[in-house]
Amino acid sequence: MTDPATKTTSTKTQVAAVVYNPIKVDLDAIRASVAAEESANGWSGSLWLETSEEDPGEGVTRQAVDHGVDVVIAAGGDGTVRAVAESLRGTGIPIALLPSGTGNLLARNLELTLNDLDHSIHSAFTGIDREIDLGVIDIEREDGTRDEHAFLVMAGLGIDAKMVANTNPTLKKHVGWLAYVHAISKALRDSNQLNLRYRFDEGPTRRIRAHTLIVGNCGSLPANMLLLPDAVVDDGVFDVVFLRPNGFFGWIQIWVRVAWENGVIRRTRIGRKVMGEVKEVRALQYDTAASITARFSRAEEIELDGDGFGRAVALKAKIDAGALKVRMPAETTGKA
């Protein structure tokens, strides 16, 4: 029998990892804020892991997982967040977002604070975890090889992927989303459409011609654009949209629906009441599915969460429901 007087209890001190893109962040400011939270909350010194062109985050995040950390803070742009999430998939270790860069796509969709470094880091050490879905996509290349990736927000082919491919990275670094203005005007002048066969879940195979295919886990974009108004990040399905404008007025119709009706009016309770039941727009074809398989008549540019991923001749995307934990501010408890 153990003498209670000599019995000891051992508790593991929690430790965070910070995966950071040195080009995107103010590292000194982050180190100071992290040190303050470690001290205030009794955590051990954090593990600091730098991304690189060769390793945008997947490899160093696996190091953090092997180290047994309790949270991984993703400090960088959307590419860093996507790479960290890919390696945290199914591990149960939460990702904490430190928004940086031009998009902040997941942070926007989760309605997180974008411009308050100390608040974001405080939430990483004191917040609560929310399970969300991940998109997992298997891409077939022109040479027959295949590679698998995760995405958090959207996978896209057509106009948006061409826009990403045409964007000057140096200009994007200096002027943010304004860099896309020239790129999207160039993409809109491209008359080539997607010609594909596709199937949702185990349903029938269909054919379609469209300017763009978006497979979304959530629906908000910068500049108050709400492309997929019914998308929910933890509902276990994708929201899918085909953009099929018929000429210039078709693009106007899309812009009015996405930027004005969805992006402004539907964001308020009064606006939704005034709009009532939303009529279908011919240029936008929406659907939902837990998986989508598609094959294209030629190789097409593809983007994941705003980053180009080369060219695809076919793909299969599926939802991995609840596969990622996201560290949310404690004050979100009880919110929908």
C-alpha atoms as a PDB file:
ATOM      1  CA  MET A   1       0.000   0.000   0.000  1.00  0.00           C
ATOM      2  CA  THR A   2       1.343   3.401  -0.935  1.00  0.00           C
ATOM      3  CA  ASP A   3       1.898   5.864   1.895  1.00  0.00           C
ATOM      4  CA  PRO A   4      -0.174   8.968   1.054  1.00  0.00           C
ATOM      5  CA  ALA A   5       2.569  11.124   2.509  1.00  0.00           C
ATOM      6  CA  THR A   6       5.043   9.918  -0.133  1.00  0.00           C
ATOM      7  CA  LYS A   7       2.618   9.780  -3.060  1.00  0.00           C
ATOM      8  CA  THR A   8       3.432  12.215  -5.895  1.00  0.00           C
ATOM      9  CA  THR A   9       1.369  13.256  -8.897  1.00  0.00           C
ATOM     10  CA  SER A  10       2.908  14.189 -12.171  1.00  0.00           C
ATOM     11  CA  THR A  11       1.174  16.500 -14.580  1.00  0.00           C
ATOM     12  CA  LYS A  12       2.383  17.198 -18.076  1.00  0.00           C
ATOM     13  CA  THR A  13       3.016  20.847 -18.753  1.00  0.00           C
ATOM     14  CA  GLN A  14       1.311  21.897 -21.946  1.00  0.00           C
ATOM     15  CA  VAL A  15       3.389  23.040 -24.895  1.00  0.00           C
ATOM     16  CA  ALA A  16       2.515  24.820 -28.128  1.00  0.00           C
ATOM     17  CA  ALA A  17       4.204  24.778 -31.506  1.00  0.00           C
ATOM     18  CA  VAL A  18       4.364  27.869 -33.702  1.00  0.00           C
ATOM     19  CA  VAL A  19       4.593  27.098 -37.412  1.00  0.00           C
ATOM     20  CA  TYR A  20       5.434  30.392 -39.084  1.00  0.00           C
ATOM     21  CA  ASN A  21       6.108  31.761 -42.524  1.00  0.00           C
ATOM     22  CA  PRO A  22       9.007  34.218 -42.001  1.00  0.00           C
ATOM     23  CA  ILE A  23       7.942  36.289 -45.016  1.00  0.00           C
ATOM     24  CA  LYS A  24       4.400  36.846 -43.763  1.00  0.00           C
ATOM     25  CA  VAL A  25       4.788  37.649 -40.043  1.00  0.00           C
ATOM     26  CA  ASP A  26       6.429  39.975 -37.528  1.00  0.00           C
ATOM     27  CA  LEU A  27       8.319  37.270 -35.680  1.00  0.00           C
ATOM     28  CA  ASP A  28       9.571  39.477 -32.838  1.00  0.00           C
ATOM     29  CA  ALA A  29       6.033  40.584 -32.010  1.00  0.00           C
ATOM     30  CA  ILE A  30       4.766  37.002 -32.092  1.00  0.00           C
ATOM     31  CA  ARG A  31       7.587  35.754 -29.841  1.00  0.00           C
ATOM     32  CA  ALA A  32       6.861  38.464 -27.273  1.00  0.00           C
ATOM     33  CA  SER A  33       3.121  37.735 -27.218  1.00  0.00           C
ATOM     34  CA  VAL A  34       3.628  33.965 -27.041  1.00  0.00           C
ATOM     35  CA  ALA A  35       6.110  34.331 -24.164  1.00  0.00           C
ATOM     36  CA  ALA A  36       3.606  36.425 -22.222  1.00  0.00           C
ATOM     37  CA  GLU A  37       0.857  33.815 -22.669  1.00  0.00           C
ATOM     38  CA  GLU A  38       3.175  30.933 -21.767  1.00  0.00           C
ATOM     39  CA  SER A  39       4.023  32.676 -18.517  1.00  0.00           C
ATOM     40  CA  ALA A  40       0.445  33.682 -17.716  1.00  0.00           C
ATOM     41  CA  ASN A  41      -0.992  30.216 -18.341  1.00  0.00           C
ATOM     42  CA  GLY A  42       1.801  27.962 -17.062  1.00  0.00           C
ATOM     43  CA  TRP A  43       2.804  26.458 -20.407  1.00  0.00           C
ATOM     44  CA  SER A  44       6.291  25.270 -21.304  1.00  0.00           C
ATOM     45  CA  GLY A  45       8.405  27.097 -23.880  1.00  0.00           C
ATOM     46  CA  SER A  46       6.911  26.742 -27.345  1.00  0.00           C
ATOM     47  CA  LEU A  47       8.407  24.840 -30.261  1.00  0.00           C
ATOM     48  CA  TRP A  48       9.281  27.228 -33.114  1.00  0.00           C
ATOM     49  CA  LEU A  49       9.182  25.792 -36.626  1.00  0.00           C
ATOM     50  CA  GLU A  50       9.863  27.818 -39.773  1.00  0.00           C
ATOM     51  CA  THR A  51       8.291  27.036 -43.126  1.00  0.00           C
ATOM     52  CA  SER A  52      10.197  27.222 -46.394  1.00  0.00           C
ATOM     53  CA  GLU A  53       9.566  27.074 -50.119  1.00  0.00           C
ATOM     54  CA  GLU A  54      10.370  23.351 -50.014  1.00  0.00           C
ATOM     55  CA  ASP A  55       8.202  22.746 -46.936  1.00  0.00           C
ATOM     56  CA  PRO A  56       5.259  25.163 -46.681  1.00  0.00           C
ATOM     57  CA  GLY A  57       4.211  23.566 -43.412  1.00  0.00           C
ATOM     58  CA  GLU A  58       3.358  19.884 -43.741  1.00  0.00           C
ATOM     59  CA  GLY A  59       6.765  18.526 -42.703  1.00  0.00           C
ATOM     60  CA  VAL A  60       7.396  20.835 -39.763  1.00  0.00           C
ATOM     61  CA  THR A  61       3.850  20.246 -38.504  1.00  0.00           C
ATOM     62  CA  ARG A  62       4.514  16.505 -38.492  1.00  0.00           C
ATOM     63  CA  GLN A  63       7.544  17.270 -36.313  1.00  0.00           C
ATOM     64  CA  ALA A  64       5.235  19.104 -33.902  1.00  0.00           C
ATOM     65  CA  VAL A  65       2.832  16.150 -33.856  1.00  0.00           C
ATOM     66  CA  ASP A  66       5.702  13.749 -33.123  1.00  0.00           C
ATOM     67  CA  HIS A  67       6.829  16.078 -30.319  1.00  0.00           C
ATOM     68  CA  GLY A  68       3.411  15.699 -28.697  1.00  0.00           C
ATOM     69  CA  VAL A  69       2.386  19.357 -28.644  1.00  0.00           C
ATOM     70  CA  ASP A  70      -1.021  20.450 -27.380  1.00  0.00           C
ATOM     71  CA  VAL A  71      -1.767  23.081 -30.028  1.00  0.00           C
ATOM     72  CA  VAL A  72      -0.182  24.234 -33.284  1.00  0.00           C
ATOM     73  CA  ILE A  73      -0.323  27.966 -34.002  1.00  0.00           C
ATOM     74  CA  ALA A  74      -0.330  28.616 -37.750  1.00  0.00           C
ATOM     75  CA  ALA A  75       1.315  31.995 -38.335  1.00  0.00           C
ATOM     76  CA  GLY A  76       1.165  32.807 -42.026  1.00  0.00           C
ATOM     77  CA  GLY A  77      -1.144  33.089 -44.998  1.00  0.00           C
ATOM     78  CA  ASP A  78      -3.768  30.683 -46.307  1.00  0.00           C
ATOM     79  CA  GLY A  79      -1.085  28.372 -47.703  1.00  0.00           C
ATOM     80  CA  THR A  80       0.479  27.946 -44.270  1.00  0.00           C
ATOM     81  CA  VAL A  81      -2.907  27.291 -42.668  1.00  0.00           C
ATOM     82  CA  ARG A  82      -3.811  24.699 -45.317  1.00  0.00           C
ATOM     83  CA  ALA A  83      -0.449  22.917 -44.957  1.00  0.00           C
ATOM     84  CA  VAL A  84      -0.660  22.800 -41.149  1.00  0.00           C
ATOM     85  CA  ALA A  85      -4.250  21.537 -41.281  1.00  0.00           C
ATOM     86  CA  GLU A  86      -3.277  18.791 -43.726  1.00  0.00           C
ATOM     87  CA  SER A  87      -0.770  17.364 -41.257  1.00  0.00           C
ATOM     88  CA  LEU A  88      -3.088  17.793 -38.244  1.00  0.00           C
ATOM     89  CA  ARG A  89      -5.932  15.928 -39.960  1.00  0.00           C
ATOM     90  CA  GLY A  90      -7.284  13.285 -37.609  1.00  0.00           C
ATOM     91  CA  THR A  91      -4.632  13.814 -34.908  1.00  0.00           C
ATOM     92  CA  GLY A  92      -6.922  15.546 -32.407  1.00  0.00           C
ATOM     93  CA  ILE A  93      -4.349  18.339 -31.997  1.00  0.00           C
ATOM     94  CA  PRO A  94      -6.032  21.706 -32.607  1.00  0.00           C
ATOM     95  CA  ILE A  95      -4.852  24.382 -34.986  1.00  0.00           C
ATOM     96  CA  ALA A  96      -4.881  27.986 -33.769  1.00  0.00           C
ATOM     97  CA  LEU A  97      -5.054  30.673 -36.434  1.00  0.00           C
ATOM     98  CA  LEU A  98      -2.843  33.736 -36.413  1.00  0.00           C
ATOM     99  CA  PRO A  99      -4.272  35.523 -39.449  1.00  0.00           C
ATOM    100  CA  SER A 100      -1.726  37.017 -41.819  1.00  0.00           C
ATOM    101  CA  GLY A 101      -1.445  37.683 -45.542  1.00  0.00           C
ATOM    102  CA  THR A 102      -4.151  38.763 -47.966  1.00  0.00           C
ATOM    103  CA  GLY A 103      -6.890  36.151 -47.728  1.00  0.00           C
ATOM    104  CA  ASN A 104      -7.347  34.770 -44.216  1.00  0.00           C
ATOM    105  CA  LEU A 105     -10.071  32.621 -45.741  1.00  0.00           C
ATOM    106  CA  LEU A 106     -10.729  30.195 -42.886  1.00  0.00           C
ATOM    107  CA  ALA A 107     -10.483  32.928 -40.240  1.00  0.00           C
ATOM    108  CA  ARG A 108     -13.069  34.989 -42.134  1.00  0.00           C
ATOM    109  CA  ASN A 109     -15.447  32.062 -42.399  1.00  0.00           C
ATOM    110  CA  LEU A 110     -15.099  31.333 -38.685  1.00  0.00           C
ATOM    111  CA  GLU A 111     -15.592  35.059 -37.953  1.00  0.00           C
ATOM    112  CA  LEU A 112     -12.301  35.309 -36.056  1.00  0.00           C
ATOM    113  CA  THR A 113     -10.524  38.551 -35.258  1.00  0.00           C
ATOM    114  CA  LEU A 114      -8.168  39.392 -38.122  1.00  0.00           C
ATOM    115  CA  ASN A 115      -6.023  42.268 -36.899  1.00  0.00           C
ATOM    116  CA  ASP A 116      -5.412  41.676 -33.194  1.00  0.00           C
ATOM    117  CA  LEU A 117      -2.225  39.664 -32.667  1.00  0.00           C
ATOM    118  CA  ASP A 118      -2.430  39.510 -28.872  1.00  0.00           C
ATOM    119  CA  HIS A 119      -6.079  38.412 -28.923  1.00  0.00           C
ATOM    120  CA  SER A 120      -5.352  35.640 -31.426  1.00  0.00           C
ATOM    121  CA  ILE A 121      -2.426  34.311 -29.384  1.00  0.00           C
ATOM    122  CA  HIS A 122      -4.380  34.598 -26.127  1.00  0.00           C
ATOM    123  CA  SER A 123      -7.106  32.468 -27.728  1.00  0.00           C
ATOM    124  CA  ALA A 124      -4.508  29.865 -28.795  1.00  0.00           C
ATOM    125  CA  PHE A 125      -3.576  29.302 -25.132  1.00  0.00           C
ATOM    126  CA  THR A 126      -6.977  29.754 -23.469  1.00  0.00           C
ATOM    127  CA  GLY A 127      -9.624  29.008 -26.076  1.00  0.00           C
ATOM    128  CA  ILE A 128     -11.983  26.141 -26.787  1.00  0.00           C
ATOM    129  CA  ASP A 129     -11.830  23.612 -29.610  1.00  0.00           C
ATOM    130  CA  ARG A 130     -14.337  23.264 -32.426  1.00  0.00           C
ATOM    131  CA  GLU A 131     -14.401  20.329 -34.825  1.00  0.00           C
ATOM    132  CA  ILE A 132     -14.741  21.248 -38.491  1.00  0.00           C
ATOM    133  CA  ASP A 133     -14.722  19.337 -41.770  1.00  0.00           C
ATOM    134  CA  LEU A 134     -11.792  19.055 -44.139  1.00  0.00           C
ATOM    135  CA  GLY A 135     -11.931  18.606 -47.866  1.00  0.00           C
ATOM    136  CA  VAL A 136      -9.628  15.875 -49.150  1.00  0.00           C
ATOM    137  CA  ILE A 137      -8.861  15.869 -52.858  1.00  0.00           C
ATOM    138  CA  ASP A 138      -7.119  13.273 -55.023  1.00  0.00           C
ATOM    139  CA  ILE A 139      -5.755  14.985 -58.160  1.00  0.00           C
ATOM    140  CA  GLU A 140      -4.848  13.052 -61.315  1.00  0.00           C
ATOM    141  CA  ARG A 141      -2.141  14.710 -63.447  1.00  0.00           C
ATOM    142  CA  GLU A 142      -1.484  14.682 -67.179  1.00  0.00           C
ATOM    143  CA  ASP A 143       1.234  12.033 -66.776  1.00  0.00           C
ATOM    144  CA  GLY A 144      -1.116   9.709 -64.880  1.00  0.00           C
ATOM    145  CA  THR A 145       0.372  10.368 -61.441  1.00  0.00           C
ATOM    146  CA  ARG A 146      -1.894  11.221 -58.505  1.00  0.00           C
ATOM    147  CA  ASP A 147      -1.417  13.253 -55.350  1.00  0.00           C
ATOM    148  CA  GLU A 148      -3.674  13.897 -52.374  1.00  0.00           C
ATOM    149  CA  HIS A 149      -4.135  17.157 -50.489  1.00  0.00           C
ATOM    150  CA  ALA A 150      -6.441  18.668 -47.882  1.00  0.00           C
ATOM    151  CA  PHE A 151      -8.242  21.965 -48.210  1.00  0.00           C
ATOM    152  CA  LEU A 152     -10.238  24.019 -45.756  1.00  0.00           C
ATOM    153  CA  VAL A 153     -12.246  26.475 -47.807  1.00  0.00           C
ATOM    154  CA  MET A 154     -12.518  25.799 -51.544  1.00  0.00           C
ATOM    155  CA  ALA A 155     -11.108  23.862 -54.456  1.00  0.00           C
ATOM    156  CA  GLY A 156     -11.623  25.566 -57.793  1.00  0.00           C
ATOM    157  CA  LEU A 157     -11.134  25.045 -61.515  1.00  0.00           C
ATOM    158  CA  GLY A 158     -11.810  27.499 -64.293  1.00  0.00           C
ATOM    159  CA  ILE A 159     -11.845  31.277 -63.880  1.00  0.00           C
ATOM    160  CA  ASP A 160     -10.668  31.364 -60.256  1.00  0.00           C
ATOM    161  CA  ALA A 161      -7.824  28.896 -60.812  1.00  0.00           C
ATOM    162  CA  LYS A 162      -6.681  30.819 -63.904  1.00  0.00           C
ATOM    163  CA  MET A 163      -6.855  34.025 -61.851  1.00  0.00           C
ATOM    164  CA  VAL A 164      -4.554  32.503 -59.231  1.00  0.00           C
ATOM    165  CA  ALA A 165      -2.173  31.247 -61.934  1.00  0.00           C
ATOM    166  CA  ASN A 166      -2.070  34.701 -63.582  1.00  0.00           C
ATOM    167  CA  THR A 167      -1.430  36.668 -60.375  1.00  0.00           C
ATOM    168  CA  ASN A 168       2.005  38.184 -59.910  1.00  0.00           C
ATOM    169  CA  PRO A 169       3.230  36.981 -56.463  1.00  0.00           C
ATOM    170  CA  THR A 170       5.430  40.044 -55.938  1.00  0.00           C
ATOM    171  CA  LEU A 171       2.524  42.388 -56.655  1.00  0.00           C
ATOM    172  CA  LYS A 172       0.256  40.352 -54.368  1.00  0.00           C
ATOM    173  CA  LYS A 173       2.798  40.717 -51.550  1.00  0.00           C
ATOM    174  CA  HIS A 174       2.687  44.521 -51.822  1.00  0.00           C
ATOM    175  CA  VAL A 175      -0.947  45.315 -52.671  1.00  0.00           C
ATOM    176  CA  GLY A 176      -2.800  42.222 -51.494  1.00  0.00           C
ATOM    177  CA  TRP A 177      -6.068  41.333 -53.238  1.00  0.00           C
ATOM    178  CA  LEU A 178      -5.764  44.294 -55.618  1.00  0.00           C
ATOM    179  CA  ALA A 179      -3.180  42.174 -57.426  1.00  0.00           C
ATOM    180  CA  TYR A 180      -6.031  39.952 -58.583  1.00  0.00           C
ATOM    181  CA  VAL A 181      -7.701  42.741 -60.596  1.00  0.00           C
ATOM    182  CA  HIS A 182      -5.426  42.338 -63.630  1.00  0.00           C
ATOM    183  CA  ALA A 183      -5.362  38.554 -63.229  1.00  0.00           C
ATOM    184  CA  ILE A 184      -9.141  38.193 -63.180  1.00  0.00           C
ATOM    185  CA  SER A 185      -9.570  40.508 -66.188  1.00  0.00           C
ATOM    186  CA  LYS A 186      -7.157  38.269 -68.089  1.00  0.00           C
ATOM    187  CA  ALA A 187      -9.001  35.150 -66.953  1.00  0.00           C
ATOM    188  CA  LEU A 188     -12.364  36.594 -68.021  1.00  0.00           C
ATOM    189  CA  ARG A 189     -11.034  37.128 -71.532  1.00  0.00           C
ATOM    190  CA  ASP A 190     -10.239  33.412 -71.753  1.00  0.00           C
ATOM    191  CA  SER A 191     -13.110  31.896 -73.732  1.00  0.00           C
ATOM    192  CA  ASN A 192     -12.144  28.301 -72.943  1.00  0.00           C
ATOM    193  CA  GLN A 193     -14.695  26.557 -70.764  1.00  0.00           C
ATOM    194  CA  LEU A 194     -14.516  23.454 -68.624  1.00  0.00           C
ATOM    195  CA  ASN A 195     -15.925  20.431 -70.410  1.00  0.00           C
ATOM    196  CA  LEU A 196     -16.347  17.650 -67.878  1.00  0.00           C
ATOM    197  CA  ARG A 197     -18.108  14.528 -66.763  1.00  0.00           C
ATOM    198  CA  TYR A 198     -18.906  14.473 -63.047  1.00  0.00           C
ATOM    199  CA  ARG A 199     -20.719  12.481 -60.396  1.00  0.00           C
ATOM    200  CA  PHE A 200     -21.956  13.418 -56.926  1.00  0.00           C
ATOM    201  CA  ASP A 201     -21.623  10.664 -54.298  1.00  0.00           C
ATOM    202  CA  GLU A 202     -22.859   7.413 -55.901  1.00  0.00           C
ATOM    203  CA  GLY A 203     -25.238   9.166 -58.276  1.00  0.00           C
ATOM    204  CA  PRO A 204     -25.352   9.106 -62.077  1.00  0.00           C
ATOM    205  CA  THR A 205     -22.578  10.521 -64.252  1.00  0.00           C
ATOM    206  CA  ARG A 206     -23.488  13.828 -65.906  1.00  0.00           C
ATOM    207  CA  ARG A 207     -21.877  16.128 -68.472  1.00  0.00           C
ATOM    208  CA  ILE A 208     -21.604  19.892 -68.264  1.00  0.00           C
ATOM    209  CA  ARG A 209     -19.858  22.889 -69.795  1.00  0.00           C
ATOM    210  CA  ALA A 210     -19.041  25.698 -67.370  1.00  0.00           C
ATOM    211  CA  HIS A 211     -16.621  28.562 -66.891  1.00  0.00           C
ATOM    212  CA  THR A 212     -15.849  27.548 -63.295  1.00  0.00           C
ATOM    213  CA  LEU A 213     -16.342  24.718 -60.827  1.00  0.00           C
ATOM    214  CA  ILE A 214     -16.066  25.461 -57.093  1.00  0.00           C
ATOM    215  CA  VAL A 215     -16.158  22.721 -54.455  1.00  0.00           C
ATOM    216  CA  GLY A 216     -16.572  24.489 -51.128  1.00  0.00           C
ATOM    217  CA  ASN A 217     -16.335  23.603 -47.454  1.00  0.00           C
ATOM    218  CA  CYS A 218     -17.302  27.183 -46.544  1.00  0.00           C
ATOM    219  CA  GLY A 219     -18.426  30.115 -48.607  1.00  0.00           C
ATOM    220  CA  SER A 220     -17.034  33.580 -47.744  1.00  0.00           C
ATOM    221  CA  LEU A 221     -14.273  35.317 -49.687  1.00  0.00           C
ATOM    222  CA  PRO A 222     -12.515  38.676 -49.160  1.00  0.00           C
ATOM    223  CA  ALA A 223     -14.192  41.897 -50.338  1.00  0.00           C
ATOM    224  CA  ASN A 224     -17.474  40.759 -48.728  1.00  0.00           C
ATOM    225  CA  MET A 225     -18.064  38.127 -51.410  1.00  0.00           C
ATOM    226  CA  LEU A 226     -20.336  35.270 -50.346  1.00  0.00           C
ATOM    227  CA  LEU A 227     -20.062  32.684 -53.096  1.00  0.00           C
ATOM    228  CA  LEU A 228     -21.655  29.750 -51.262  1.00  0.00           C
ATOM    229  CA  PRO A 229     -24.292  31.251 -48.956  1.00  0.00           C
ATOM    230  CA  ASP A 230     -25.502  27.940 -47.507  1.00  0.00           C
ATOM    231  CA  ALA A 231     -22.088  26.383 -46.893  1.00  0.00           C
ATOM    232  CA  VAL A 232     -21.391  25.357 -43.292  1.00  0.00           C
ATOM    233  CA  VAL A 233     -17.942  24.314 -42.170  1.00  0.00           C
ATOM    234  CA  ASP A 234     -19.153  21.386 -40.054  1.00  0.00           C
ATOM    235  CA  ASP A 235     -22.214  19.993 -41.873  1.00  0.00           C
ATOM    236  CA  GLY A 236     -20.504  16.982 -43.446  1.00  0.00           C
ATOM    237  CA  VAL A 237     -21.100  17.998 -47.090  1.00  0.00           C
ATOM    238  CA  PHE A 238     -19.592  20.182 -49.796  1.00  0.00           C
ATOM    239  CA  ASP A 239     -21.493  23.019 -51.388  1.00  0.00           C
ATOM    240  CA  VAL A 240     -20.745  22.901 -55.120  1.00  0.00           C
ATOM    241  CA  VAL A 241     -21.374  25.602 -57.714  1.00  0.00           C
ATOM    242  CA  PHE A 242     -20.922  25.730 -61.464  1.00  0.00           C
ATOM    243  CA  LEU A 243     -20.602  29.231 -62.963  1.00  0.00           C
ATOM    244  CA  ARG A 244     -22.315  29.233 -66.364  1.00  0.00           C
ATOM    245  CA  PRO A 245     -22.768  32.842 -67.483  1.00  0.00           C
ATOM    246  CA  ASN A 246     -24.135  33.537 -70.940  1.00  0.00           C
ATOM    247  CA  GLY A 247     -22.079  36.535 -72.021  1.00  0.00           C
ATOM    248  CA  PHE A 248     -21.447  39.839 -70.250  1.00  0.00           C
ATOM    249  CA  PHE A 249     -24.881  40.099 -68.628  1.00  0.00           C
ATOM    250  CA  GLY A 250     -24.440  36.631 -67.192  1.00  0.00           C
ATOM    251  CA  TRP A 251     -21.341  37.840 -65.336  1.00  0.00           C
ATOM    252  CA  ILE A 252     -23.305  40.879 -64.104  1.00  0.00           C
ATOM    253  CA  GLN A 253     -25.979  38.516 -62.818  1.00  0.00           C
ATOM    254  CA  ILE A 254     -23.355  36.498 -60.942  1.00  0.00           C
ATOM    255  CA  TRP A 255     -21.769  39.632 -59.456  1.00  0.00           C
ATOM    256  CA  VAL A 256     -25.131  40.983 -58.234  1.00  0.00           C
ATOM    257  CA  ARG A 257     -25.993  37.664 -56.577  1.00  0.00           C
ATOM    258  CA  VAL A 258     -22.585  36.996 -54.985  1.00  0.00           C
ATOM    259  CA  ALA A 259     -21.421  40.491 -54.014  1.00  0.00           C
ATOM    260  CA  TRP A 260     -24.674  42.322 -53.322  1.00  0.00           C
ATOM    261  CA  GLU A 261     -27.496  39.908 -52.489  1.00  0.00           C
ATOM    262  CA  ASN A 262     -25.368  37.277 -50.725  1.00  0.00           C
ATOM    263  CA  GLY A 263     -22.508  39.508 -49.579  1.00  0.00           C
ATOM    264  CA  VAL A 264     -24.581  42.379 -48.192  1.00  0.00           C
ATOM    265  CA  ILE A 265     -28.326  41.764 -47.940  1.00  0.00           C
ATOM    266  CA  ARG A 266     -28.324  38.134 -46.765  1.00  0.00           C
ATOM    267  CA  ARG A 267     -25.787  38.825 -44.016  1.00  0.00           C
ATOM    268  CA  THR A 268     -28.445  40.602 -41.920  1.00  0.00           C
ATOM    269  CA  ARG A 269     -31.647  39.209 -40.437  1.00  0.00           C
ATOM    270  CA  ILE A 270     -33.699  42.083 -41.831  1.00  0.00           C
ATOM    271  CA  GLY A 271     -32.101  41.642 -45.254  1.00  0.00           C
ATOM    272  CA  ARG A 272     -32.954  37.948 -45.335  1.00  0.00           C
ATOM    273  CA  LYS A 273     -36.538  38.768 -44.375  1.00  0.00           C
ATOM    274  CA  VAL A 274     -36.831  41.397 -47.095  1.00  0.00           C
ATOM    275  CA  MET A 275     -35.376  39.073 -49.751  1.00  0.00           C
ATOM    276  CA  GLY A 276     -37.631  36.184 -48.787  1.00  0.00           C
ATOM    277  CA  GLU A 277     -37.087  33.003 -50.766  1.00  0.00           C
ATOM    278  CA  VAL A 278     -34.140  33.491 -53.113  1.00  0.00           C
ATOM    279  CA  LYS A 279     -34.869  32.778 -56.770  1.00  0.00           C
ATOM    280  CA  GLU A 280     -32.449  30.624 -58.713  1.00  0.00           C
ATOM    281  CA  VAL A 281     -30.027  32.370 -61.033  1.00  0.00           C
ATOM    282  CA  ARG A 282     -29.475  30.596 -64.329  1.00  0.00           C
ATOM    283  CA  ALA A 283     -25.767  31.464 -64.367  1.00  0.00           C
ATOM    284  CA  LEU A 284     -25.206  29.748 -60.987  1.00  0.00           C
ATOM    285  CA  GLN A 285     -25.918  26.042 -60.596  1.00  0.00           C
ATOM    286  CA  TYR A 286     -25.710  24.911 -56.939  1.00  0.00           C
ATOM    287  CA  ASP A 287     -25.693  21.455 -55.393  1.00  0.00           C
ATOM    288  CA  THR A 288     -24.477  19.611 -52.281  1.00  0.00           C
ATOM    289  CA  ALA A 289     -22.612  16.318 -51.939  1.00  0.00           C
ATOM    290  CA  ALA A 290     -20.247  14.493 -49.614  1.00  0.00           C
ATOM    291  CA  SER A 291     -18.042  13.653 -52.595  1.00  0.00           C
ATOM    292  CA  ILE A 292     -17.555  14.646 -56.211  1.00  0.00           C
ATOM    293  CA  THR A 293     -15.690  12.841 -58.981  1.00  0.00           C
ATOM    294  CA  ALA A 294     -14.870  14.722 -62.178  1.00  0.00           C
ATOM    295  CA  ARG A 295     -12.891  14.154 -65.374  1.00  0.00           C
ATOM    296  CA  PHE A 296     -12.036  16.948 -67.805  1.00  0.00           C
ATOM    297  CA  SER A 297     -11.664  16.942 -71.587  1.00  0.00           C
ATOM    298  CA  ARG A 298      -8.201  18.530 -71.169  1.00  0.00           C
ATOM    299  CA  ALA A 299      -5.839  19.414 -68.329  1.00  0.00           C
ATOM    300  CA  GLU A 300      -7.158  22.347 -66.257  1.00  0.00           C
ATOM    301  CA  GLU A 301      -5.584  24.660 -63.688  1.00  0.00           C
ATOM    302  CA  ILE A 302      -6.666  23.886 -60.120  1.00  0.00           C
ATOM    303  CA  GLU A 303      -6.412  25.927 -56.938  1.00  0.00           C
ATOM    304  CA  LEU A 304      -6.846  24.990 -53.282  1.00  0.00           C
ATOM    305  CA  ASP A 305      -7.602  27.723 -50.739  1.00  0.00           C
ATOM    306  CA  GLY A 306      -6.247  30.373 -53.099  1.00  0.00           C
ATOM    307  CA  ASP A 307      -2.978  28.676 -54.053  1.00  0.00           C
ATOM    308  CA  GLY A 308      -2.271  27.138 -57.445  1.00  0.00           C
ATOM    309  CA  PHE A 309      -1.799  23.346 -57.511  1.00  0.00           C
ATOM    310  CA  GLY A 310      -0.882  22.806 -61.130  1.00  0.00           C
ATOM    311  CA  ARG A 311      -3.077  21.110 -63.711  1.00  0.00           C
ATOM    312  CA  ALA A 312      -5.572  18.289 -63.293  1.00  0.00           C
ATOM    313  CA  VAL A 313      -7.178  15.940 -65.789  1.00  0.00           C
ATOM    314  CA  ALA A 314      -9.408  14.371 -63.120  1.00  0.00           C
ATOM    315  CA  LEU A 315     -10.171  14.651 -59.421  1.00  0.00           C
ATOM    316  CA  LYS A 316     -12.071  13.072 -56.583  1.00  0.00           C
ATOM    317  CA  ALA A 317     -12.902  15.246 -53.581  1.00  0.00           C
ATOM    318  CA  LYS A 318     -14.543  14.005 -50.410  1.00  0.00           C
ATOM    319  CA  ILE A 319     -15.496  15.486 -47.056  1.00  0.00           C
ATOM    320  CA  ASP A 320     -13.638  14.211 -43.988  1.00  0.00           C
ATOM    321  CA  ALA A 321     -16.235  15.208 -41.408  1.00  0.00           C
ATOM    322  CA  GLY A 322     -14.917  16.598 -38.117  1.00  0.00           C
ATOM    323  CA  ALA A 323     -11.324  15.788 -39.078  1.00  0.00           C
ATOM    324  CA  LEU A 324      -9.794  19.022 -37.757  1.00  0.00           C
ATOM    325  CA  LYS A 325     -10.019  20.824 -34.435  1.00  0.00           C
ATOM    326  CA  VAL A 326      -9.755  24.615 -34.501  1.00  0.00           C
ATOM    327  CA  ARG A 327      -8.916  26.581 -31.364  1.00  0.00           C
ATOM    328  CA  MET A 328     -11.586  29.256 -30.976  1.00  0.00           C
ATOM    329  CA  PRO A 329     -11.759  32.213 -28.568  1.00  0.00           C
ATOM    330  CA  ALA A 330     -13.332  31.191 -25.251  1.00  0.00           C
ATOM    331  CA  GLU A 331     -15.980  33.902 -25.655  1.00  0.00           C
ATOM    332  CA  THR A 332     -17.488  32.004 -28.608  1.00  0.00           C
ATOM    333  CA  THR A 333     -18.931  29.400 -26.191  1.00  0.00           C
ATOM    334  CA  GLY A 334     -22.628  29.056 -26.842  1.00  0.00           C
ATOM    335  CA  LYS A 335     -22.556  30.731 -30.228  1.00  0.00           C
ATOM    336  CA  ALA A 336     -23.916  28.949 -33.302  1.00  0.00           C
END
